[in-house]
């Protein structure tokens, strides 16, 4: 899971509210506090810009898997032709072996049922 700052955070049992409380204690600041205004913070805030065009950084595990798959696919497509053909051939061999092994096992099962 990624935090708002883009840092990878372990998916833990903590709720987001607990994570916020921990952050608030560390940074000594609040976001959109709904107080009466009695405890107003008059400290200077750091001068920084906010990028409004940033994509949402919190991604689901499915989205992360999809992005990794796309990245791997692009790596393969942009690879040198010789290396790419070797990898593609090995992938094809593995698929063929798996298919032949599964077809052999299903053939054997069908044969055993006939007896």
PDB file of N, CA and C in Angstrom:
ATOM      1  N   UNK A   1       0.852  -1.160   0.000  1.00  0.00           N
ATOM      2  CA  UNK A   1       0.000   0.000   0.000  1.00  0.00           C
ATOM      3  C   UNK A   1       0.904   1.231   0.000  1.00  0.00           C
ATOM      4  N   UNK A   2       0.536   2.263  -0.720  1.00  0.00           N
ATOM      5  CA  UNK A   2       1.315   3.494  -0.756  1.00  0.00           C
ATOM      6  C   UNK A   2       0.619   4.563   0.090  1.00  0.00           C
ATOM      7  N   UNK A   3       1.427   5.346   0.784  1.00  0.00           N
ATOM      8  CA  UNK A   3       0.871   6.445   1.566  1.00  0.00           C
ATOM      9  C   UNK A   3       0.724   7.660   0.657  1.00  0.00           C
ATOM     10  N   UNK A   4       0.216   8.752   1.195  1.00  0.00           N
ATOM     11  CA  UNK A   4       0.029   9.953   0.395  1.00  0.00           C
ATOM     12  C   UNK A   4       1.346  10.528  -0.087  1.00  0.00           C
ATOM     13  N   UNK A   5       2.423  10.278   0.634  1.00  0.00           N
ATOM     14  CA  UNK A   5       3.727  10.789   0.230  1.00  0.00           C
ATOM     15  C   UNK A   5       4.384   9.906  -0.812  1.00  0.00           C
ATOM     16  N   UNK A   6       3.789   8.747  -1.128  1.00  0.00           N
ATOM     17  CA  UNK A   6       4.342   7.870  -2.139  1.00  0.00           C
ATOM     18  C   UNK A   6       5.236   6.788  -1.572  1.00  0.00           C
ATOM     19  N   UNK A   7       5.334   6.724  -0.260  1.00  0.00           N
ATOM     20  CA  UNK A   7       6.182   5.746   0.395  1.00  0.00           C
ATOM     21  C   UNK A   7       5.403   4.448   0.560  1.00  0.00           C
ATOM     22  N   UNK A   8       6.089   3.320   0.295  1.00  0.00           N
ATOM     23  CA  UNK A   8       5.437   2.025   0.468  1.00  0.00           C
ATOM     24  C   UNK A   8       5.244   1.767   1.962  1.00  0.00           C
ATOM     25  N   UNK A   9       4.029   1.400   2.348  1.00  0.00           N
ATOM     26  CA  UNK A   9       3.688   1.123   3.734  1.00  0.00           C
ATOM     27  C   UNK A   9       3.146  -0.296   3.796  1.00  0.00           C
ATOM     28  N   UNK A  10       3.580  -1.036   4.822  1.00  0.00           N
ATOM     29  CA  UNK A  10       3.055  -2.388   4.982  1.00  0.00           C
ATOM     30  C   UNK A  10       1.558  -2.322   5.238  1.00  0.00           C
ATOM     31  N   UNK A  11       0.844  -3.222   4.620  1.00  0.00           N
ATOM     32  CA  UNK A  11      -0.589  -3.303   4.899  1.00  0.00           C
ATOM     33  C   UNK A  11      -0.724  -3.929   6.290  1.00  0.00           C
ATOM     34  N   UNK A  12      -1.190  -3.147   7.217  1.00  0.00           N
ATOM     35  CA  UNK A  12      -1.257  -3.634   8.584  1.00  0.00           C
ATOM     36  C   UNK A  12      -2.715  -3.684   9.036  1.00  0.00           C
ATOM     37  N   UNK A  13      -2.901  -4.115  10.254  1.00  0.00           N
ATOM     38  CA  UNK A  13      -4.244  -4.196  10.812  1.00  0.00           C
ATOM     39  C   UNK A  13      -4.724  -2.843  11.328  1.00  0.00           C
ATOM     40  N   UNK A  14      -3.847  -1.834  11.281  1.00  0.00           N
ATOM     41  CA  UNK A  14      -4.229  -0.516  11.767  1.00  0.00           C
ATOM     42  C   UNK A  14      -5.239   0.109  10.815  1.00  0.00           C
ATOM     43  N   UNK A  15      -6.179   0.777  11.372  1.00  0.00           N
ATOM     44  CA  UNK A  15      -7.122   1.507  10.552  1.00  0.00           C
ATOM     45  C   UNK A  15      -6.480   2.818  10.144  1.00  0.00           C
ATOM     46  N   UNK A  16      -7.064   3.473   9.145  1.00  0.00           N
ATOM     47  CA  UNK A  16      -6.488   4.725   8.677  1.00  0.00           C
ATOM     48  C   UNK A  16      -6.504   5.787   9.762  1.00  0.00           C
ATOM     49  N   UNK A  17      -7.500   5.756  10.618  1.00  0.00           N
ATOM     50  CA  UNK A  17      -7.568   6.731  11.694  1.00  0.00           C
ATOM     51  C   UNK A  17      -6.385   6.608  12.635  1.00  0.00           C
ATOM     52  N   UNK A  18      -5.975   5.367  12.899  1.00  0.00           N
ATOM     53  CA  UNK A  18      -4.812   5.157  13.769  1.00  0.00           C
ATOM     54  C   UNK A  18      -3.548   5.659  13.096  1.00  0.00           C
ATOM     55  N   UNK A  19      -3.441   5.421  11.799  1.00  0.00           N
ATOM     56  CA  UNK A  19      -2.270   5.902  11.068  1.00  0.00           C
ATOM     57  C   UNK A  19      -2.229   7.424  11.091  1.00  0.00           C
ATOM     58  N   UNK A  20      -3.406   8.065  10.955  1.00  0.00           N
ATOM     59  CA  UNK A  20      -3.486   9.515  10.985  1.00  0.00           C
ATOM     60  C   UNK A  20      -3.079  10.046  12.345  1.00  0.00           C
ATOM     61  N   UNK A  21      -3.543   9.398  13.406  1.00  0.00           N
ATOM     62  CA  UNK A  21      -3.180   9.836  14.759  1.00  0.00           C
ATOM     63  C   UNK A  21      -1.668   9.771  14.954  1.00  0.00           C
ATOM     64  N   UNK A  22      -1.053   8.714  14.480  1.00  0.00           N
ATOM     65  CA  UNK A  22       0.404   8.566  14.591  1.00  0.00           C
ATOM     66  C   UNK A  22       1.106   9.673  13.804  1.00  0.00           C
ATOM     67  N   UNK A  23       0.600   9.955  12.606  1.00  0.00           N
ATOM     68  CA  UNK A  23       1.183  11.008  11.779  1.00  0.00           C
ATOM     69  C   UNK A  23       1.027  12.361  12.461  1.00  0.00           C
ATOM     70  N   UNK A  24      -0.156  12.586  13.045  1.00  0.00           N
ATOM     71  CA  UNK A  24      -0.441  13.863  13.690  1.00  0.00           C
ATOM     72  C   UNK A  24       0.514  14.094  14.861  1.00  0.00           C
ATOM     73  N   UNK A  25       0.796  13.041  15.634  1.00  0.00           N
ATOM     74  CA  UNK A  25       1.722  13.179  16.757  1.00  0.00           C
ATOM     75  C   UNK A  25       3.130  13.482  16.272  1.00  0.00           C
ATOM     76  N   UNK A  26       3.532  12.829  15.176  1.00  0.00           N
ATOM     77  CA  UNK A  26       4.879  13.049  14.645  1.00  0.00           C
ATOM     78  C   UNK A  26       5.042  14.467  14.120  1.00  0.00           C
ATOM     79  N   UNK A  27       4.069  14.925  13.353  1.00  0.00           N
ATOM     80  CA  UNK A  27       4.183  16.205  12.659  1.00  0.00           C
ATOM     81  C   UNK A  27       3.670  17.382  13.485  1.00  0.00           C
ATOM     82  N   UNK A  28       2.933  17.082  14.543  1.00  0.00           N
ATOM     83  CA  UNK A  28       2.360  18.113  15.409  1.00  0.00           C
ATOM     84  C   UNK A  28       1.501  19.100  14.622  1.00  0.00           C
ATOM     85  N   UNK A  29       0.611  18.522  13.787  1.00  0.00           N
ATOM     86  CA  UNK A  29      -0.312  19.370  13.042  1.00  0.00           C
ATOM     87  C   UNK A  29      -1.557  18.580  12.701  1.00  0.00           C
ATOM     88  N   UNK A  30      -2.625  19.268  12.384  1.00  0.00           N
ATOM     89  CA  UNK A  30      -3.887  18.617  12.077  1.00  0.00           C
ATOM     90  C   UNK A  30      -4.368  19.055  10.699  1.00  0.00           C
ATOM     91  N   UNK A  31      -5.238  18.259  10.134  1.00  0.00           N
ATOM     92  CA  UNK A  31      -5.844  18.599   8.859  1.00  0.00           C
ATOM     93  C   UNK A  31      -7.339  18.764   9.092  1.00  0.00           C
ATOM     94  N   UNK A  32      -7.873  19.902   8.688  1.00  0.00           N
ATOM     95  CA  UNK A  32      -9.307  20.186   8.795  1.00  0.00           C
ATOM     96  C   UNK A  32      -9.855  19.870  10.183  1.00  0.00           C
ATOM     97  N   UNK A  33      -9.255  20.435  11.182  1.00  0.00           N
ATOM     98  CA  UNK A  33      -9.766  20.188  12.528  1.00  0.00           C
ATOM     99  C   UNK A  33     -11.114  20.881  12.675  1.00  0.00           C
ATOM    100  N   UNK A  34     -12.031  20.219  13.360  1.00  0.00           N
ATOM    101  CA  UNK A  34     -13.381  20.734  13.510  1.00  0.00           C
ATOM    102  C   UNK A  34     -13.600  21.312  14.911  1.00  0.00           C
ATOM    103  N   UNK A  35     -12.548  21.885  15.494  1.00  0.00           N
ATOM    104  CA  UNK A  35     -12.659  22.461  16.834  1.00  0.00           C
ATOM    105  C   UNK A  35     -13.381  23.807  16.766  1.00  0.00           C
ATOM    106  N   UNK A  36     -13.631  24.355  17.959  1.00  0.00           N
ATOM    107  CA  UNK A  36     -14.261  25.671  18.048  1.00  0.00           C
ATOM    108  C   UNK A  36     -13.283  26.781  17.683  1.00  0.00           C
ATOM    109  N   UNK A  37     -12.021  26.451  17.591  1.00  0.00           N
ATOM    110  CA  UNK A  37     -11.011  27.448  17.291  1.00  0.00           C
ATOM    111  C   UNK A  37     -10.250  27.867  18.528  1.00  0.00           C
ATOM    112  N   UNK A  38     -10.451  27.176  19.641  1.00  0.00           N
ATOM    113  CA  UNK A  38      -9.762  27.529  20.873  1.00  0.00           C
ATOM    114  C   UNK A  38      -8.280  27.212  20.777  1.00  0.00           C
ATOM    115  N   UNK A  39      -7.951  26.103  20.201  1.00  0.00           N
ATOM    116  CA  UNK A  39      -6.553  25.693  20.110  1.00  0.00           C
ATOM    117  C   UNK A  39      -6.036  25.943  18.695  1.00  0.00           C
ATOM    118  N   UNK A  40      -5.944  27.185  18.302  1.00  0.00           N
ATOM    119  CA  UNK A  40      -5.491  27.533  16.955  1.00  0.00           C
ATOM    120  C   UNK A  40      -3.966  27.492  16.925  1.00  0.00           C
ATOM    121  N   UNK A  41      -3.438  26.927  15.877  1.00  0.00           N
ATOM    122  CA  UNK A  41      -1.992  26.802  15.722  1.00  0.00           C
ATOM    123  C   UNK A  41      -1.492  28.022  14.951  1.00  0.00           C
ATOM    124  N   UNK A  42      -0.683  28.865  15.607  1.00  0.00           N
ATOM    125  CA  UNK A  42      -0.204  30.092  14.984  1.00  0.00           C
ATOM    126  C   UNK A  42       1.211  29.951  14.438  1.00  0.00           C
ATOM    127  N   UNK A  43       1.733  28.732  14.448  1.00  0.00           N
ATOM    128  CA  UNK A  43       3.076  28.538  13.907  1.00  0.00           C
ATOM    129  C   UNK A  43       3.079  28.738  12.396  1.00  0.00           C
ATOM    130  N   UNK A  44       4.230  29.124  11.883  1.00  0.00           N
ATOM    131  CA  UNK A  44       4.347  29.296  10.440  1.00  0.00           C
ATOM    132  C   UNK A  44       4.300  27.937   9.761  1.00  0.00           C
ATOM    133  N   UNK A  45       3.620  27.874   8.653  1.00  0.00           N
ATOM    134  CA  UNK A  45       3.542  26.645   7.871  1.00  0.00           C
ATOM    135  C   UNK A  45       4.645  26.667   6.825  1.00  0.00           C
ATOM    136  N   UNK A  46       5.153  25.524   6.466  1.00  0.00           N
ATOM    137  CA  UNK A  46       6.171  25.520   5.423  1.00  0.00           C
ATOM    138  C   UNK A  46       5.572  25.985   4.094  1.00  0.00           C
ATOM    139  N   UNK A  47       6.382  26.684   3.332  1.00  0.00           N
ATOM    140  CA  UNK A  47       5.924  27.213   2.054  1.00  0.00           C
ATOM    141  C   UNK A  47       6.188  26.161   0.981  1.00  0.00           C
ATOM    142  N   UNK A  48       5.141  25.498   0.516  1.00  0.00           N
ATOM    143  CA  UNK A  48       5.298  24.502  -0.537  1.00  0.00           C
ATOM    144  C   UNK A  48       4.076  24.525  -1.444  1.00  0.00           C
ATOM    145  N   UNK A  49       4.291  24.075  -2.648  1.00  0.00           N
ATOM    146  CA  UNK A  49       3.205  24.039  -3.620  1.00  0.00           C
ATOM    147  C   UNK A  49       2.553  22.669  -3.600  1.00  0.00           C
ATOM    148  N   UNK A  50       1.303  22.629  -3.982  1.00  0.00           N
ATOM    149  CA  UNK A  50       0.575  21.373  -4.066  1.00  0.00           C
ATOM    150  C   UNK A  50       0.313  21.082  -5.538  1.00  0.00           C
ATOM    151  N   UNK A  51       0.704  19.903  -5.959  1.00  0.00           N
ATOM    152  CA  UNK A  51       0.483  19.509  -7.339  1.00  0.00           C
ATOM    153  C   UNK A  51      -0.927  18.943  -7.469  1.00  0.00           C
ATOM    154  N   UNK A  52      -1.789  19.660  -8.150  1.00  0.00           N
ATOM    155  CA  UNK A  52      -3.181  19.237  -8.287  1.00  0.00           C
ATOM    156  C   UNK A  52      -3.353  18.134  -9.321  1.00  0.00           C
ATOM    157  N   UNK A  53      -2.331  17.884 -10.123  1.00  0.00           N
ATOM    158  CA  UNK A  53      -2.433  16.909 -11.202  1.00  0.00           C
ATOM    159  C   UNK A  53      -1.858  15.544 -10.825  1.00  0.00           C
ATOM    160  N   UNK A  54      -1.632  15.314  -9.551  1.00  0.00           N
ATOM    161  CA  UNK A  54      -1.084  14.040  -9.099  1.00  0.00           C
ATOM    162  C   UNK A  54      -2.181  12.989  -9.087  1.00  0.00           C
ATOM    163  N   UNK A  55      -1.848  11.794  -9.584  1.00  0.00           N
ATOM    164  CA  UNK A  55      -2.821  10.707  -9.568  1.00  0.00           C
ATOM    165  C   UNK A  55      -2.972  10.197  -8.140  1.00  0.00           C
ATOM    166  N   UNK A  56      -4.064   9.541  -7.888  1.00  0.00           N
ATOM    167  CA  UNK A  56      -4.296   8.952  -6.582  1.00  0.00           C
ATOM    168  C   UNK A  56      -3.241   7.878  -6.340  1.00  0.00           C
ATOM    169  N   UNK A  57      -2.508   7.978  -5.243  1.00  0.00           N
ATOM    170  CA  UNK A  57      -1.392   7.072  -4.999  1.00  0.00           C
ATOM    171  C   UNK A  57      -1.788   5.813  -4.252  1.00  0.00           C
ATOM    172  N   UNK A  58      -2.976   5.762  -3.692  1.00  0.00           N
ATOM    173  CA  UNK A  58      -3.415   4.565  -2.999  1.00  0.00           C
ATOM    174  C   UNK A  58      -3.999   3.608  -4.028  1.00  0.00           C
ATOM    175  N   UNK A  59      -3.357   2.453  -4.160  1.00  0.00           N
ATOM    176  CA  UNK A  59      -3.776   1.496  -5.170  1.00  0.00           C
ATOM    177  C   UNK A  59      -4.163   0.183  -4.517  1.00  0.00           C
ATOM    178  N   UNK A  60      -5.101  -0.479  -5.123  1.00  0.00           N
ATOM    179  CA  UNK A  60      -5.508  -1.788  -4.635  1.00  0.00           C
ATOM    180  C   UNK A  60      -4.492  -2.827  -5.115  1.00  0.00           C
ATOM    181  N   UNK A  61      -4.440  -3.991  -4.472  1.00  0.00           N
ATOM    182  CA  UNK A  61      -3.515  -5.035  -4.922  1.00  0.00           C
ATOM    183  C   UNK A  61      -3.746  -5.440  -6.375  1.00  0.00           C
ATOM    184  N   UNK A  62      -4.991  -5.430  -6.824  1.00  0.00           N
ATOM    185  CA  UNK A  62      -5.281  -5.763  -8.221  1.00  0.00           C
ATOM    186  C   UNK A  62      -4.680  -4.745  -9.180  1.00  0.00           C
ATOM    187  N   UNK A  63      -4.764  -3.465  -8.818  1.00  0.00           N
ATOM    188  CA  UNK A  63      -4.185  -2.422  -9.657  1.00  0.00           C
ATOM    189  C   UNK A  63      -2.672  -2.548  -9.712  1.00  0.00           C
ATOM    190  N   UNK A  64      -2.052  -2.871  -8.574  1.00  0.00           N
ATOM    191  CA  UNK A  64      -0.596  -3.016  -8.539  1.00  0.00           C
ATOM    192  C   UNK A  64      -0.161  -4.173  -9.417  1.00  0.00           C
ATOM    193  N   UNK A  65      -0.884  -5.312  -9.343  1.00  0.00           N
ATOM    194  CA  UNK A  65      -0.554  -6.460 -10.186  1.00  0.00           C
ATOM    195  C   UNK A  65      -0.671  -6.110 -11.660  1.00  0.00           C
ATOM    196  N   UNK A  66      -1.704  -5.366 -12.011  1.00  0.00           N
ATOM    197  CA  UNK A  66      -1.917  -4.978 -13.402  1.00  0.00           C
ATOM    198  C   UNK A  66      -0.777  -4.089 -13.894  1.00  0.00           C
ATOM    199  N   UNK A  67      -0.352  -3.131 -13.080  1.00  0.00           N
ATOM    200  CA  UNK A  67       0.730  -2.225 -13.459  1.00  0.00           C
ATOM    201  C   UNK A  67       2.033  -2.995 -13.631  1.00  0.00           C
ATOM    202  N   UNK A  68       2.311  -3.920 -12.710  1.00  0.00           N
ATOM    203  CA  UNK A  68       3.540  -4.721 -12.801  1.00  0.00           C
ATOM    204  C   UNK A  68       3.519  -5.574 -14.066  1.00  0.00           C
ATOM    205  N   UNK A  69       2.368  -6.150 -14.383  1.00  0.00           N
ATOM    206  CA  UNK A  69       2.239  -6.980 -15.580  1.00  0.00           C
ATOM    207  C   UNK A  69       2.482  -6.142 -16.837  1.00  0.00           C
ATOM    208  N   UNK A  70       1.911  -4.941 -16.880  1.00  0.00           N
ATOM    209  CA  UNK A  70       2.113  -4.056 -18.024  1.00  0.00           C
ATOM    210  C   UNK A  70       3.577  -3.653 -18.146  1.00  0.00           C
ATOM    211  N   UNK A  71       4.232  -3.367 -17.016  1.00  0.00           N
ATOM    212  CA  UNK A  71       5.633  -2.963 -17.022  1.00  0.00           C
ATOM    213  C   UNK A  71       6.513  -4.102 -17.537  1.00  0.00           C
ATOM    214  N   UNK A  72       6.223  -5.328 -17.081  1.00  0.00           N
ATOM    215  CA  UNK A  72       6.988  -6.483 -17.541  1.00  0.00           C
ATOM    216  C   UNK A  72       6.792  -6.709 -19.039  1.00  0.00           C
ATOM    217  N   UNK A  73       5.564  -6.512 -19.502  1.00  0.00           N
ATOM    218  CA  UNK A  73       5.268  -6.689 -20.914  1.00  0.00           C
ATOM    219  C   UNK A  73       6.044  -5.669 -21.755  1.00  0.00           C
ATOM    220  N   UNK A  74       6.112  -4.423 -21.274  1.00  0.00           N
ATOM    221  CA  UNK A  74       6.866  -3.398 -21.993  1.00  0.00           C
ATOM    222  C   UNK A  74       8.358  -3.708 -21.993  1.00  0.00           C
ATOM    223  N   UNK A  75       8.870  -4.236 -20.871  1.00  0.00           N
ATOM    224  CA  UNK A  75      10.285  -4.604 -20.823  1.00  0.00           C
ATOM    225  C   UNK A  75      10.591  -5.637 -21.893  1.00  0.00           C
ATOM    226  N   UNK A  76       9.699  -6.611 -22.030  1.00  0.00           N
ATOM    227  CA  UNK A  76       9.887  -7.665 -23.019  1.00  0.00           C
ATOM    228  C   UNK A  76       9.819  -7.096 -24.433  1.00  0.00           C
ATOM    229  N   UNK A  77       8.877  -6.200 -24.679  1.00  0.00           N
ATOM    230  CA  UNK A  77       8.727  -5.628 -26.016  1.00  0.00           C
ATOM    231  C   UNK A  77       9.907  -4.747 -26.404  1.00  0.00           C
ATOM    232  N   UNK A  78      10.504  -4.053 -25.442  1.00  0.00           N
ATOM    233  CA  UNK A  78      11.598  -3.137 -25.737  1.00  0.00           C
ATOM    234  C   UNK A  78      12.973  -3.795 -25.654  1.00  0.00           C
ATOM    235  N   UNK A  79      12.998  -5.098 -25.424  1.00  0.00           N
ATOM    236  CA  UNK A  79      14.247  -5.831 -25.309  1.00  0.00           C
ATOM    237  C   UNK A  79      14.848  -6.057 -26.701  1.00  0.00           C
ATOM    238  N   UNK A  80      16.152  -6.340 -26.743  1.00  0.00           N
ATOM    239  CA  UNK A  80      16.790  -6.674 -28.017  1.00  0.00           C
ATOM    240  C   UNK A  80      16.133  -7.922 -28.582  1.00  0.00           C
ATOM    241  N   UNK A  81      16.111  -7.999 -29.921  1.00  0.00           N
ATOM    242  CA  UNK A  81      15.352  -9.066 -30.567  1.00  0.00           C
ATOM    243  C   UNK A  81      15.879 -10.450 -30.208  1.00  0.00           C
ATOM    244  N   UNK A  82      17.191 -10.628 -30.160  1.00  0.00           N
ATOM    245  CA  UNK A  82      17.771 -11.940 -29.842  1.00  0.00           C
ATOM    246  C   UNK A  82      17.381 -12.421 -28.453  1.00  0.00           C
ATOM    247  N   UNK A  83      17.502 -11.528 -27.477  1.00  0.00           N
ATOM    248  CA  UNK A  83      17.142 -11.890 -26.099  1.00  0.00           C
ATOM    249  C   UNK A  83      15.649 -12.171 -25.987  1.00  0.00           C
ATOM    250  N   UNK A  84      14.862 -11.329 -26.665  1.00  0.00           N
ATOM    251  CA  UNK A  84      13.411 -11.476 -26.596  1.00  0.00           C
ATOM    252  C   UNK A  84      12.961 -12.816 -27.181  1.00  0.00           C
ATOM    253  N   UNK A  85      13.544 -13.224 -28.309  1.00  0.00           N
ATOM    254  CA  UNK A  85      13.133 -14.492 -28.924  1.00  0.00           C
ATOM    255  C   UNK A  85      13.486 -15.670 -28.025  1.00  0.00           C
ATOM    256  N   UNK A  86      14.641 -15.607 -27.361  1.00  0.00           N
ATOM    257  CA  UNK A  86      15.006 -16.687 -26.429  1.00  0.00           C
ATOM    258  C   UNK A  86      13.982 -16.802 -25.307  1.00  0.00           C
ATOM    259  N   UNK A  87      13.622 -15.678 -24.723  1.00  0.00           N
ATOM    260  CA  UNK A  87      12.661 -15.676 -23.616  1.00  0.00           C
ATOM    261  C   UNK A  87      11.293 -16.151 -24.096  1.00  0.00           C
ATOM    262  N   UNK A  88      10.850 -15.653 -25.265  1.00  0.00           N
ATOM    263  CA  UNK A  88       9.547 -16.064 -25.790  1.00  0.00           C
ATOM    264  C   UNK A  88       9.521 -17.560 -26.079  1.00  0.00           C
ATOM    265  N   UNK A  89      10.618 -18.091 -26.613  1.00  0.00           N
ATOM    266  CA  UNK A  89      10.684 -19.533 -26.889  1.00  0.00           C
ATOM    267  C   UNK A  89      10.607 -20.346 -25.607  1.00  0.00           C
ATOM    268  N   UNK A  90      11.309 -19.896 -24.564  1.00  0.00           N
ATOM    269  CA  UNK A  90      11.261 -20.635 -23.294  1.00  0.00           C
ATOM    270  C   UNK A  90       9.855 -20.579 -22.688  1.00  0.00           C
ATOM    271  N   UNK A  91       9.170 -19.445 -22.838  1.00  0.00           N
ATOM    272  CA  UNK A  91       7.797 -19.316 -22.334  1.00  0.00           C
ATOM    273  C   UNK A  91       6.881 -20.272 -23.090  1.00  0.00           C
ATOM    274  N   UNK A  92       7.048 -20.336 -24.422  1.00  0.00           N
ATOM    275  CA  UNK A  92       6.223 -21.242 -25.230  1.00  0.00           C
ATOM    276  C   UNK A  92       6.465 -22.697 -24.839  1.00  0.00           C
ATOM    277  N   UNK A  93       7.728 -23.067 -24.619  1.00  0.00           N
ATOM    278  CA  UNK A  93       8.044 -24.446 -24.223  1.00  0.00           C
ATOM    279  C   UNK A  93       7.357 -24.803 -22.911  1.00  0.00           C
ATOM    280  N   UNK A  94       7.427 -23.880 -21.933  1.00  0.00           N
ATOM    281  CA  UNK A  94       6.789 -24.142 -20.638  1.00  0.00           C
ATOM    282  C   UNK A  94       5.279 -24.328 -20.789  1.00  0.00           C
ATOM    283  N   UNK A  95       4.660 -23.469 -21.597  1.00  0.00           N
ATOM    284  CA  UNK A  95       3.216 -23.586 -21.814  1.00  0.00           C
ATOM    285  C   UNK A  95       2.874 -24.914 -22.469  1.00  0.00           C
ATOM    286  N   UNK A  96       3.652 -25.305 -23.482  1.00  0.00           N
ATOM    287  CA  UNK A  96       3.394 -26.566 -24.175  1.00  0.00           C
ATOM    288  C   UNK A  96       3.560 -27.756 -23.241  1.00  0.00           C
ATOM    289  N   UNK A  97       4.585 -27.718 -22.389  1.00  0.00           N
ATOM    290  CA  UNK A  97       4.805 -28.812 -21.433  1.00  0.00           C
ATOM    291  C   UNK A  97       3.641 -28.899 -20.448  1.00  0.00           C
ATOM    292  N   UNK A  98       3.171 -27.766 -19.974  1.00  0.00           N
ATOM    293  CA  UNK A  98       2.049 -27.761 -19.032  1.00  0.00           C
ATOM    294  C   UNK A  98       0.778 -28.284 -19.695  1.00  0.00           C
ATOM    295  N   UNK A  99       0.550 -27.875 -20.936  1.00  0.00           N
ATOM    296  CA  UNK A  99      -0.644 -28.338 -21.641  1.00  0.00           C
ATOM    297  C   UNK A  99      -0.572 -29.830 -21.915  1.00  0.00           C
ATOM    298  N   UNK A 100       0.591 -30.298 -22.329  1.00  0.00           N
ATOM    299  CA  UNK A 100       0.712 -31.723 -22.629  1.00  0.00           C
ATOM    300  C   UNK A 100       0.597 -32.555 -21.340  1.00  0.00           C
ATOM    301  N   UNK A 101       1.153 -32.053 -20.240  1.00  0.00           N
ATOM    302  CA  UNK A 101       1.054 -32.771 -18.967  1.00  0.00           C
ATOM    303  C   UNK A 101      -0.398 -32.833 -18.497  1.00  0.00           C
ATOM    304  N   UNK A 102      -1.129 -31.748 -18.649  1.00  0.00           N
ATOM    305  CA  UNK A 102      -2.530 -31.747 -18.217  1.00  0.00           C
ATOM    306  C   UNK A 102      -3.385 -32.615 -19.139  1.00  0.00           C
ATOM    307  N   UNK A 103      -3.069 -32.633 -20.424  1.00  0.00           N
ATOM    308  CA  UNK A 103      -3.858 -33.469 -21.336  1.00  0.00           C
ATOM    309  C   UNK A 103      -3.556 -34.950 -21.091  1.00  0.00           C
ATOM    310  N   UNK A 104      -2.296 -35.273 -20.776  1.00  0.00           N
ATOM    311  CA  UNK A 104      -1.950 -36.661 -20.466  1.00  0.00           C
ATOM    312  C   UNK A 104      -2.670 -37.134 -19.210  1.00  0.00           C
ATOM    313  N   UNK A 105      -2.710 -36.280 -18.195  1.00  0.00           N
ATOM    314  CA  UNK A 105      -3.358 -36.677 -16.937  1.00  0.00           C
ATOM    315  C   UNK A 105      -4.861 -36.834 -17.144  1.00  0.00           C
ATOM    316  N   UNK A 106      -5.471 -35.972 -17.942  1.00  0.00           N
ATOM    317  CA  UNK A 106      -6.913 -36.102 -18.185  1.00  0.00           C
ATOM    318  C   UNK A 106      -7.193 -37.338 -19.033  1.00  0.00           C
ATOM    319  N   UNK A 107      -6.276 -37.690 -19.956  1.00  0.00           N
ATOM    320  CA  UNK A 107      -6.433 -38.889 -20.773  1.00  0.00           C
ATOM    321  C   UNK A 107      -6.351 -40.137 -19.898  1.00  0.00           C
ATOM    322  N   UNK A 108      -5.391 -40.127 -18.963  1.00  0.00           N
ATOM    323  CA  UNK A 108      -5.235 -41.260 -18.054  1.00  0.00           C
ATOM    324  C   UNK A 108      -6.467 -41.427 -17.168  1.00  0.00           C
ATOM    325  N   UNK A 109      -7.006 -40.326 -16.687  1.00  0.00           N
ATOM    326  CA  UNK A 109      -8.184 -40.390 -15.826  1.00  0.00           C
ATOM    327  C   UNK A 109      -9.373 -40.971 -16.597  1.00  0.00           C
ATOM    328  N   UNK A 110      -9.522 -40.557 -17.844  1.00  0.00           N
ATOM    329  CA  UNK A 110     -10.610 -41.078 -18.660  1.00  0.00           C
ATOM    330  C   UNK A 110     -10.448 -42.562 -18.930  1.00  0.00           C
ATOM    331  N   UNK A 111      -9.220 -42.981 -19.123  1.00  0.00           N
ATOM    332  CA  UNK A 111      -8.933 -44.389 -19.381  1.00  0.00           C
ATOM    333  C   UNK A 111      -9.224 -45.226 -18.153  1.00  0.00           C
ATOM    334  N   UNK A 112      -8.891 -44.710 -16.974  1.00  0.00           N
ATOM    335  CA  UNK A 112      -9.131 -45.442 -15.725  1.00  0.00           C
ATOM    336  C   UNK A 112     -10.626 -45.580 -15.462  1.00  0.00           C
ATOM    337  N   UNK A 113     -11.408 -44.617 -15.863  1.00  0.00           N
ATOM    338  CA  UNK A 113     -12.847 -44.683 -15.611  1.00  0.00           C
ATOM    339  C   UNK A 113     -13.522 -45.757 -16.473  1.00  0.00           C
ATOM    340  N   UNK A 114     -12.961 -46.017 -17.646  1.00  0.00           N
ATOM    341  CA  UNK A 114     -13.544 -47.005 -18.544  1.00  0.00           C
ATOM    342  C   UNK A 114     -13.422 -48.421 -18.004  1.00  0.00           C
ATOM    343  N   UNK A 115     -12.389 -48.681 -17.233  1.00  0.00           N
ATOM    344  CA  UNK A 115     -12.149 -50.046 -16.700  1.00  0.00           C
ATOM    345  C   UNK A 115     -13.151 -50.477 -15.742  1.00  0.00           C
TER     346      UNK A 115
END
